[in-house]
Amino acid sequence: MPENPVVRAKFTVTHHEVLHYQSGDPHVTVHLQPRCESSIPEDKRFAAATPSGELKMYITNKSAIEHLKPGRAFYLDFIPVPEGVSPYHS
């Protein structure tokens, strides 16, 4: 196995939960689920490895909210943080 393996998943944005605050700033929870379109060979391969699940992200960045539109599919790459690098600071 490679020293820094990458795990890739394919998820679709299912919906947004929009929260309204007095500040007027956007506060959105974006919900994603594994992509499982049986007519698409790539999706069938991903579904075999990740048949179910959910990812939720609470987002306040307007550009990110606009980018993550419901119905849109994304590849999610999980790359390990190298040893010695704090997971809390970039």
PDB file of N, CA and C in Angstrom:
ATOM      1  N   MET A   1       0.842  -1.179   0.000  1.00  0.00           N
ATOM      2  CA  MET A   1       0.000   0.000   0.000  1.00  0.00           C
ATOM      3  C   MET A   1       0.889   1.246   0.000  1.00  0.00           C
ATOM      4  N   PRO A   2       0.542   2.270  -0.798  1.00  0.00           N
ATOM      5  CA  PRO A   2       1.354   3.487  -0.833  1.00  0.00           C
ATOM      6  C   PRO A   2       1.433   4.156   0.539  1.00  0.00           C
ATOM      7  N   GLU A   3       2.488   4.944   0.712  1.00  0.00           N
ATOM      8  CA  GLU A   3       2.698   5.618   1.990  1.00  0.00           C
ATOM      9  C   GLU A   3       1.562   6.588   2.315  1.00  0.00           C
ATOM     10  N   ASN A   4       1.068   7.323   1.332  1.00  0.00           N
ATOM     11  CA  ASN A   4      -0.029   8.270   1.528  1.00  0.00           C
ATOM     12  C   ASN A   4      -1.194   7.912   0.603  1.00  0.00           C
ATOM     13  N   PRO A   5      -1.942   6.864   0.944  1.00  0.00           N
ATOM     14  CA  PRO A   5      -3.030   6.455   0.066  1.00  0.00           C
ATOM     15  C   PRO A   5      -4.135   7.502   0.026  1.00  0.00           C
ATOM     16  N   VAL A   6      -4.774   7.580  -1.128  1.00  0.00           N
ATOM     17  CA  VAL A   6      -5.910   8.471  -1.298  1.00  0.00           C
ATOM     18  C   VAL A   6      -7.149   7.601  -1.437  1.00  0.00           C
ATOM     19  N   VAL A   7      -8.157   7.897  -0.668  1.00  0.00           N
ATOM     20  CA  VAL A   7      -9.443   7.225  -0.790  1.00  0.00           C
ATOM     21  C   VAL A   7     -10.383   8.208  -1.466  1.00  0.00           C
ATOM     22  N   ARG A   8     -11.022   7.774  -2.535  1.00  0.00           N
ATOM     23  CA  ARG A   8     -11.926   8.646  -3.283  1.00  0.00           C
ATOM     24  C   ARG A   8     -13.346   8.120  -3.171  1.00  0.00           C
ATOM     25  N   ALA A   9     -14.273   9.024  -2.932  1.00  0.00           N
ATOM     26  CA  ALA A   9     -15.695   8.708  -2.887  1.00  0.00           C
ATOM     27  C   ALA A   9     -16.408   9.648  -3.859  1.00  0.00           C
ATOM     28  N   LYS A  10     -17.589   9.264  -4.270  1.00  0.00           N
ATOM     29  CA  LYS A  10     -18.391  10.095  -5.170  1.00  0.00           C
ATOM     30  C   LYS A  10     -19.734  10.348  -4.479  1.00  0.00           C
ATOM     31  N   PHE A  11     -19.992  11.613  -4.180  1.00  0.00           N
ATOM     32  CA  PHE A  11     -21.199  11.993  -3.448  1.00  0.00           C
ATOM     33  C   PHE A  11     -21.993  13.015  -4.250  1.00  0.00           C
ATOM     34  N   THR A  12     -23.302  13.051  -3.987  1.00  0.00           N
ATOM     35  CA  THR A  12     -24.199  14.029  -4.602  1.00  0.00           C
ATOM     36  C   THR A  12     -24.802  14.898  -3.509  1.00  0.00           C
ATOM     37  N   VAL A  13     -24.879  16.192  -3.766  1.00  0.00           N
ATOM     38  CA  VAL A  13     -25.554  17.109  -2.839  1.00  0.00           C
ATOM     39  C   VAL A  13     -27.048  16.825  -2.941  1.00  0.00           C
ATOM     40  N   THR A  14     -27.647  16.419  -1.823  1.00  0.00           N
ATOM     41  CA  THR A  14     -29.074  16.095  -1.845  1.00  0.00           C
ATOM     42  C   THR A  14     -29.943  17.309  -1.536  1.00  0.00           C
ATOM     43  N   HIS A  15     -29.505  18.116  -0.588  1.00  0.00           N
ATOM     44  CA  HIS A  15     -30.300  19.305  -0.260  1.00  0.00           C
ATOM     45  C   HIS A  15     -29.516  20.236   0.666  1.00  0.00           C
ATOM     46  N   HIS A  16     -30.065  21.435   0.817  1.00  0.00           N
ATOM     47  CA  HIS A  16     -29.526  22.447   1.732  1.00  0.00           C
ATOM     48  C   HIS A  16     -30.549  22.688   2.833  1.00  0.00           C
ATOM     49  N   GLU A  17     -30.062  22.918   4.032  1.00  0.00           N
ATOM     50  CA  GLU A  17     -30.888  23.435   5.123  1.00  0.00           C
ATOM     51  C   GLU A  17     -30.405  24.849   5.370  1.00  0.00           C
ATOM     52  N   VAL A  18     -31.260  25.818   5.089  1.00  0.00           N
ATOM     53  CA  VAL A  18     -30.870  27.221   5.228  1.00  0.00           C
ATOM     54  C   VAL A  18     -31.352  27.734   6.577  1.00  0.00           C
ATOM     55  N   LEU A  19     -30.421  28.328   7.312  1.00  0.00           N
ATOM     56  CA  LEU A  19     -30.745  28.933   8.602  1.00  0.00           C
ATOM     57  C   LEU A  19     -30.679  30.438   8.442  1.00  0.00           C
ATOM     58  N   HIS A  20     -31.656  31.121   8.973  1.00  0.00           N
ATOM     59  CA  HIS A  20     -31.708  32.580   8.846  1.00  0.00           C
ATOM     60  C   HIS A  20     -31.388  33.226  10.192  1.00  0.00           C
ATOM     61  N   TYR A  21     -30.415  34.095  10.153  1.00  0.00           N
ATOM     62  CA  TYR A  21     -30.016  34.826  11.340  1.00  0.00           C
ATOM     63  C   TYR A  21     -30.191  36.310  11.092  1.00  0.00           C
ATOM     64  N   GLN A  22     -30.269  37.080  12.150  1.00  0.00           N
ATOM     65  CA  GLN A  22     -30.469  38.518  12.027  1.00  0.00           C
ATOM     66  C   GLN A  22     -29.354  39.204  11.258  1.00  0.00           C
ATOM     67  N   SER A  23     -28.164  38.653  11.286  1.00  0.00           N
ATOM     68  CA  SER A  23     -27.029  39.276  10.598  1.00  0.00           C
ATOM     69  C   SER A  23     -27.225  39.288   9.089  1.00  0.00           C
ATOM     70  N   GLY A  24     -28.059  38.390   8.585  1.00  0.00           N
ATOM     71  CA  GLY A  24     -28.274  38.309   7.147  1.00  0.00           C
ATOM     72  C   GLY A  24     -27.249  37.454   6.428  1.00  0.00           C
ATOM     73  N   ASP A  25     -26.208  37.020   7.141  1.00  0.00           N
ATOM     74  CA  ASP A  25     -25.194  36.169   6.530  1.00  0.00           C
ATOM     75  C   ASP A  25     -25.769  34.780   6.287  1.00  0.00           C
ATOM     76  N   PRO A  26     -25.339  34.126   5.208  1.00  0.00           N
ATOM     77  CA  PRO A  26     -25.860  32.780   4.941  1.00  0.00           C
ATOM     78  C   PRO A  26     -25.278  31.753   5.909  1.00  0.00           C
ATOM     79  N   HIS A  27     -26.116  30.885   6.353  1.00  0.00           N
ATOM     80  CA  HIS A  27     -25.721  29.761   7.193  1.00  0.00           C
ATOM     81  C   HIS A  27     -26.464  28.554   6.635  1.00  0.00           C
ATOM     82  N   VAL A  28     -25.733  27.650   6.008  1.00  0.00           N
ATOM     83  CA  VAL A  28     -26.363  26.542   5.303  1.00  0.00           C
ATOM     84  C   VAL A  28     -25.712  25.230   5.713  1.00  0.00           C
ATOM     85  N   THR A  29     -26.541  24.229   5.999  1.00  0.00           N
ATOM     86  CA  THR A  29     -26.039  22.878   6.168  1.00  0.00           C
ATOM     87  C   THR A  29     -26.245  22.183   4.825  1.00  0.00           C
ATOM     88  N   VAL A  30     -25.139  21.726   4.233  1.00  0.00           N
ATOM     89  CA  VAL A  30     -25.173  21.033   2.950  1.00  0.00           C
ATOM     90  C   VAL A  30     -25.125  19.531   3.231  1.00  0.00           C
ATOM     91  N   HIS A  31     -26.087  18.800   2.676  1.00  0.00           N
ATOM     92  CA  HIS A  31     -26.184  17.355   2.868  1.00  0.00           C
ATOM     93  C   HIS A  31     -25.755  16.640   1.591  1.00  0.00           C
ATOM     94  N   LEU A  32     -24.885  15.639   1.731  1.00  0.00           N
ATOM     95  CA  LEU A  32     -24.431  14.841   0.598  1.00  0.00           C
ATOM     96  C   LEU A  32     -24.596  13.361   0.918  1.00  0.00           C
ATOM     97  N   GLN A  33     -24.886  12.563  -0.124  1.00  0.00           N
ATOM     98  CA  GLN A  33     -24.983  11.116   0.016  1.00  0.00           C
ATOM     99  C   GLN A  33     -24.212  10.458  -1.116  1.00  0.00           C
ATOM    100  N   PRO A  34     -23.782   9.201  -0.918  1.00  0.00           N
ATOM    101  CA  PRO A  34     -23.050   8.521  -1.976  1.00  0.00           C
ATOM    102  C   PRO A  34     -23.855   8.454  -3.271  1.00  0.00           C
ATOM    103  N   ARG A  35     -23.153   8.607  -4.370  1.00  0.00           N
ATOM    104  CA  ARG A  35     -23.768   8.582  -5.700  1.00  0.00           C
ATOM    105  C   ARG A  35     -23.981   7.127  -6.090  1.00  0.00           C
ATOM    106  N   CYS A  36     -25.197   6.753  -6.428  1.00  0.00           N
ATOM    107  CA  CYS A  36     -25.527   5.358  -6.709  1.00  0.00           C
ATOM    108  C   CYS A  36     -26.421   5.218  -7.939  1.00  0.00           C
ATOM    109  N   GLU A  37     -26.087   5.869  -9.029  1.00  0.00           N
ATOM    110  CA  GLU A  37     -26.879   5.757 -10.264  1.00  0.00           C
ATOM    111  C   GLU A  37     -26.496   4.449 -10.947  1.00  0.00           C
ATOM    112  N   SER A  38     -27.401   3.471 -10.935  1.00  0.00           N
ATOM    113  CA  SER A  38     -27.073   2.128 -11.424  1.00  0.00           C
ATOM    114  C   SER A  38     -26.820   2.060 -12.925  1.00  0.00           C
ATOM    115  N   SER A  39     -27.247   3.064 -13.683  1.00  0.00           N
ATOM    116  CA  SER A  39     -27.022   3.042 -15.134  1.00  0.00           C
ATOM    117  C   SER A  39     -25.640   3.571 -15.522  1.00  0.00           C
ATOM    118  N   ILE A  40     -24.882   4.081 -14.559  1.00  0.00           N
ATOM    119  CA  ILE A  40     -23.556   4.633 -14.830  1.00  0.00           C
ATOM    120  C   ILE A  40     -22.505   3.683 -14.250  1.00  0.00           C
ATOM    121  N   PRO A  41     -21.666   3.076 -15.106  1.00  0.00           N
ATOM    122  CA  PRO A  41     -20.670   2.098 -14.609  1.00  0.00           C
ATOM    123  C   PRO A  41     -19.787   2.633 -13.485  1.00  0.00           C
ATOM    124  N   GLU A  42     -19.316   3.869 -13.586  1.00  0.00           N
ATOM    125  CA  GLU A  42     -18.463   4.419 -12.528  1.00  0.00           C
ATOM    126  C   GLU A  42     -19.227   4.474 -11.208  1.00  0.00           C
ATOM    127  N   ASP A  43     -20.478   4.899 -11.251  1.00  0.00           N
ATOM    128  CA  ASP A  43     -21.278   4.985 -10.024  1.00  0.00           C
ATOM    129  C   ASP A  43     -21.480   3.604  -9.404  1.00  0.00           C
ATOM    130  N   LYS A  44     -21.638   2.588 -10.231  1.00  0.00           N
ATOM    131  CA  LYS A  44     -21.802   1.228  -9.723  1.00  0.00           C
ATOM    132  C   LYS A  44     -20.554   0.788  -8.958  1.00  0.00           C
ATOM    133  N   ARG A  45     -19.370   1.166  -9.457  1.00  0.00           N
ATOM    134  CA  ARG A  45     -18.119   0.822  -8.759  1.00  0.00           C
ATOM    135  C   ARG A  45     -18.034   1.553  -7.422  1.00  0.00           C
ATOM    136  N   PHE A  46     -18.377   2.836  -7.422  1.00  0.00           N
ATOM    137  CA  PHE A  46     -18.339   3.586  -6.160  1.00  0.00           C
ATOM    138  C   PHE A  46     -19.377   3.045  -5.179  1.00  0.00           C
ATOM    139  N   ALA A  47     -20.566   2.709  -5.669  1.00  0.00           N
ATOM    140  CA  ALA A  47     -21.634   2.214  -4.800  1.00  0.00           C
ATOM    141  C   ALA A  47     -21.258   0.882  -4.152  1.00  0.00           C
ATOM    142  N   ALA A  48     -20.468   0.081  -4.841  1.00  0.00           N
ATOM    143  CA  ALA A  48     -20.029  -1.189  -4.267  1.00  0.00           C
ATOM    144  C   ALA A  48     -19.127  -0.957  -3.062  1.00  0.00           C
ATOM    145  N   ALA A  49     -18.346   0.109  -3.078  1.00  0.00           N
ATOM    146  CA  ALA A  49     -17.420   0.412  -1.978  1.00  0.00           C
ATOM    147  C   ALA A  49     -18.068   1.266  -0.889  1.00  0.00           C
ATOM    148  N   THR A  50     -18.992   2.128  -1.276  1.00  0.00           N
ATOM    149  CA  THR A  50     -19.668   3.029  -0.332  1.00  0.00           C
ATOM    150  C   THR A  50     -21.167   2.982  -0.612  1.00  0.00           C
ATOM    151  N   PRO A  51     -21.842   1.903  -0.181  1.00  0.00           N
ATOM    152  CA  PRO A  51     -23.253   1.763  -0.536  1.00  0.00           C
ATOM    153  C   PRO A  51     -24.194   2.725   0.181  1.00  0.00           C
ATOM    154  N   SER A  52     -23.758   3.271   1.307  1.00  0.00           N
ATOM    155  CA  SER A  52     -24.615   4.233   1.995  1.00  0.00           C
ATOM    156  C   SER A  52     -23.756   5.136   2.868  1.00  0.00           C
ATOM    157  N   GLY A  53     -24.348   6.211   3.302  1.00  0.00           N
ATOM    158  CA  GLY A  53     -23.645   7.151   4.160  1.00  0.00           C
ATOM    159  C   GLY A  53     -24.218   8.538   4.004  1.00  0.00           C
ATOM    160  N   GLU A  54     -23.670   9.472   4.748  1.00  0.00           N
ATOM    161  CA  GLU A  54     -24.096  10.865   4.654  1.00  0.00           C
ATOM    162  C   GLU A  54     -22.960  11.756   5.130  1.00  0.00           C
ATOM    163  N   LEU A  55     -22.801  12.863   4.455  1.00  0.00           N
ATOM    164  CA  LEU A  55     -21.853  13.885   4.868  1.00  0.00           C
ATOM    165  C   LEU A  55     -22.649  15.172   5.022  1.00  0.00           C
ATOM    166  N   LYS A  56     -22.475  15.845   6.153  1.00  0.00           N
ATOM    167  CA  LYS A  56     -23.125  17.141   6.376  1.00  0.00           C
ATOM    168  C   LYS A  56     -22.042  18.159   6.687  1.00  0.00           C
ATOM    169  N   MET A  57     -22.144  19.299   6.030  1.00  0.00           N
ATOM    170  CA  MET A  57     -21.195  20.386   6.277  1.00  0.00           C
ATOM    171  C   MET A  57     -21.975  21.660   6.560  1.00  0.00           C
ATOM    172  N   TYR A  58     -21.614  22.343   7.632  1.00  0.00           N
ATOM    173  CA  TYR A  58     -22.196  23.637   7.977  1.00  0.00           C
ATOM    174  C   TYR A  58     -21.308  24.695   7.341  1.00  0.00           C
ATOM    175  N   ILE A  59     -21.868  25.477   6.423  1.00  0.00           N
ATOM    176  CA  ILE A  59     -21.070  26.398   5.618  1.00  0.00           C
ATOM    177  C   ILE A  59     -21.615  27.820   5.730  1.00  0.00           C
ATOM    178  N   THR A  60     -20.682  28.774   5.865  1.00  0.00           N
ATOM    179  CA  THR A  60     -21.051  30.188   5.884  1.00  0.00           C
ATOM    180  C   THR A  60     -20.433  30.961   4.722  1.00  0.00           C
ATOM    181  N   ASN A  61     -19.619  30.301   3.926  1.00  0.00           N
ATOM    182  CA  ASN A  61     -18.954  30.936   2.787  1.00  0.00           C
ATOM    183  C   ASN A  61     -19.900  30.934   1.584  1.00  0.00           C
ATOM    184  N   LYS A  62     -20.292  32.125   1.110  1.00  0.00           N
ATOM    185  CA  LYS A  62     -21.275  32.239   0.025  1.00  0.00           C
ATOM    186  C   LYS A  62     -20.826  31.519  -1.240  1.00  0.00           C
ATOM    187  N   SER A  63     -19.552  31.641  -1.597  1.00  0.00           N
ATOM    188  CA  SER A  63     -19.043  30.990  -2.814  1.00  0.00           C
ATOM    189  C   SER A  63     -19.149  29.472  -2.713  1.00  0.00           C
ATOM    190  N   ALA A  64     -18.824  28.934  -1.561  1.00  0.00           N
ATOM    191  CA  ALA A  64     -18.909  27.488  -1.365  1.00  0.00           C
ATOM    192  C   ALA A  64     -20.362  27.021  -1.427  1.00  0.00           C
ATOM    193  N   ILE A  65     -21.256  27.773  -0.839  1.00  0.00           N
ATOM    194  CA  ILE A  65     -22.682  27.425  -0.866  1.00  0.00           C
ATOM    195  C   ILE A  65     -23.185  27.390  -2.306  1.00  0.00           C
ATOM    196  N   GLU A  66     -22.824  28.392  -3.101  1.00  0.00           N
ATOM    197  CA  GLU A  66     -23.252  28.451  -4.492  1.00  0.00           C
ATOM    198  C   GLU A  66     -22.643  27.313  -5.309  1.00  0.00           C
ATOM    199  N   HIS A  67     -21.422  26.912  -4.997  1.00  0.00           N
ATOM    200  CA  HIS A  67     -20.727  25.850  -5.717  1.00  0.00           C
ATOM    201  C   HIS A  67     -21.361  24.485  -5.449  1.00  0.00           C
ATOM    202  N   LEU A  68     -21.798  24.266  -4.209  1.00  0.00           N
ATOM    203  CA  LEU A  68     -22.344  22.976  -3.789  1.00  0.00           C
ATOM    204  C   LEU A  68     -23.858  22.940  -3.984  1.00  0.00           C
ATOM    205  N   LYS A  69     -24.283  22.984  -5.230  1.00  0.00           N
ATOM    206  CA  LYS A  69     -25.711  23.035  -5.561  1.00  0.00           C
ATOM    207  C   LYS A  69     -26.347  21.654  -5.449  1.00  0.00           C
ATOM    208  N   PRO A  70     -27.588  21.598  -4.945  1.00  0.00           N
ATOM    209  CA  PRO A  70     -28.293  20.320  -4.891  1.00  0.00           C
ATOM    210  C   PRO A  70     -28.370  19.672  -6.278  1.00  0.00           C
ATOM    211  N   GLY A  71     -28.152  18.352  -6.279  1.00  0.00           N
ATOM    212  CA  GLY A  71     -28.177  17.582  -7.515  1.00  0.00           C
ATOM    213  C   GLY A  71     -26.812  17.421  -8.159  1.00  0.00           C
ATOM    214  N   ARG A  72     -25.864  18.215  -7.744  1.00  0.00           N
ATOM    215  CA  ARG A  72     -24.523  18.166  -8.323  1.00  0.00           C
ATOM    216  C   ARG A  72     -23.685  17.092  -7.629  1.00  0.00           C
ATOM    217  N   ALA A  73     -22.894  16.348  -8.400  1.00  0.00           N
ATOM    218  CA  ALA A  73     -22.046  15.285  -7.857  1.00  0.00           C
ATOM    219  C   ALA A  73     -20.609  15.779  -7.725  1.00  0.00           C
ATOM    220  N   PHE A  74     -19.913  15.245  -6.722  1.00  0.00           N
ATOM    221  CA  PHE A  74     -18.531  15.621  -6.444  1.00  0.00           C
ATOM    222  C   PHE A  74     -17.711  14.398  -6.072  1.00  0.00           C
ATOM    223  N   TYR A  75     -16.436  14.427  -6.443  1.00  0.00           N
ATOM    224  CA  TYR A  75     -15.478  13.462  -5.928  1.00  0.00           C
ATOM    225  C   TYR A  75     -14.960  14.019  -4.604  1.00  0.00           C
ATOM    226  N   LEU A  76     -14.880  13.171  -3.608  1.00  0.00           N
ATOM    227  CA  LEU A  76     -14.313  13.553  -2.321  1.00  0.00           C
ATOM    228  C   LEU A  76     -13.044  12.729  -2.126  1.00  0.00           C
ATOM    229  N   ASP A  77     -11.919  13.404  -2.056  1.00  0.00           N
ATOM    230  CA  ASP A  77     -10.642  12.733  -1.843  1.00  0.00           C
ATOM    231  C   ASP A  77     -10.235  12.868  -0.392  1.00  0.00           C
ATOM    232  N   PHE A  78      -9.977  11.728   0.231  1.00  0.00           N
ATOM    233  CA  PHE A  78      -9.551  11.700   1.626  1.00  0.00           C
ATOM    234  C   PHE A  78      -8.065  11.394   1.644  1.00  0.00           C
ATOM    235  N   ILE A  79      -7.297  12.414   1.970  1.00  0.00           N
ATOM    236  CA  ILE A  79      -5.840  12.319   1.976  1.00  0.00           C
ATOM    237  C   ILE A  79      -5.381  12.476   3.420  1.00  0.00           C
ATOM    238  N   PRO A  80      -4.617  11.518   3.946  1.00  0.00           N
ATOM    239  CA  PRO A  80      -4.190  11.613   5.344  1.00  0.00           C
ATOM    240  C   PRO A  80      -3.324  12.849   5.591  1.00  0.00           C
ATOM    241  N   VAL A  81      -3.503  13.428   6.760  1.00  0.00           N
ATOM    242  CA  VAL A  81      -2.636  14.516   7.198  1.00  0.00           C
ATOM    243  C   VAL A  81      -1.303  13.886   7.583  1.00  0.00           C
ATOM    244  N   PRO A  82      -0.184  14.403   7.074  1.00  0.00           N
ATOM    245  CA  PRO A  82       1.118  13.814   7.415  1.00  0.00           C
ATOM    246  C   PRO A  82       1.377  13.850   8.920  1.00  0.00           C
ATOM    247  N   GLU A  83       2.124  12.859   9.391  1.00  0.00           N
ATOM    248  CA  GLU A  83       2.519  12.809  10.805  1.00  0.00           C
ATOM    249  C   GLU A  83       3.247  14.109  11.152  1.00  0.00           C
ATOM    250  N   GLY A  84       2.961  14.625  12.330  1.00  0.00           N
ATOM    251  CA  GLY A  84       3.642  15.817  12.803  1.00  0.00           C
ATOM    252  C   GLY A  84       2.954  17.109  12.397  1.00  0.00           C
ATOM    253  N   VAL A  85       1.961  17.042  11.517  1.00  0.00           N
ATOM    254  CA  VAL A  85       1.225  18.244  11.113  1.00  0.00           C
ATOM    255  C   VAL A  85      -0.050  18.287  11.947  1.00  0.00           C
ATOM    256  N   SER A  86      -0.268  19.404  12.608  1.00  0.00           N
ATOM    257  CA  SER A  86      -1.446  19.541  13.443  1.00  0.00           C
ATOM    258  C   SER A  86      -2.701  19.532  12.579  1.00  0.00           C
ATOM    259  N   PRO A  87      -3.688  18.725  12.940  1.00  0.00           N
ATOM    260  CA  PRO A  87      -4.936  18.713  12.173  1.00  0.00           C
ATOM    261  C   PRO A  87      -5.768  19.976  12.408  1.00  0.00           C
ATOM    262  N   TYR A  88      -5.356  20.823  13.342  1.00  0.00           N
ATOM    263  CA  TYR A  88      -6.136  21.995  13.701  1.00  0.00           C
ATOM    264  C   TYR A  88      -5.608  23.304  13.127  1.00  0.00           C
ATOM    265  N   HIS A  89      -4.429  23.288  12.512  1.00  0.00           N
ATOM    266  CA  HIS A  89      -3.853  24.510  11.966  1.00  0.00           C
ATOM    267  C   HIS A  89      -3.256  24.229  10.610  1.00  0.00           C
ATOM    268  N   SER A  90      -3.419  25.185   9.695  1.00  0.00           N
ATOM    269  CA  SER A  90      -2.813  24.990   8.363  1.00  0.00           C
ATOM    270  C   SER A  90      -1.535  25.756   8.243  1.00  0.00           C
TER     271      SER A  90
END
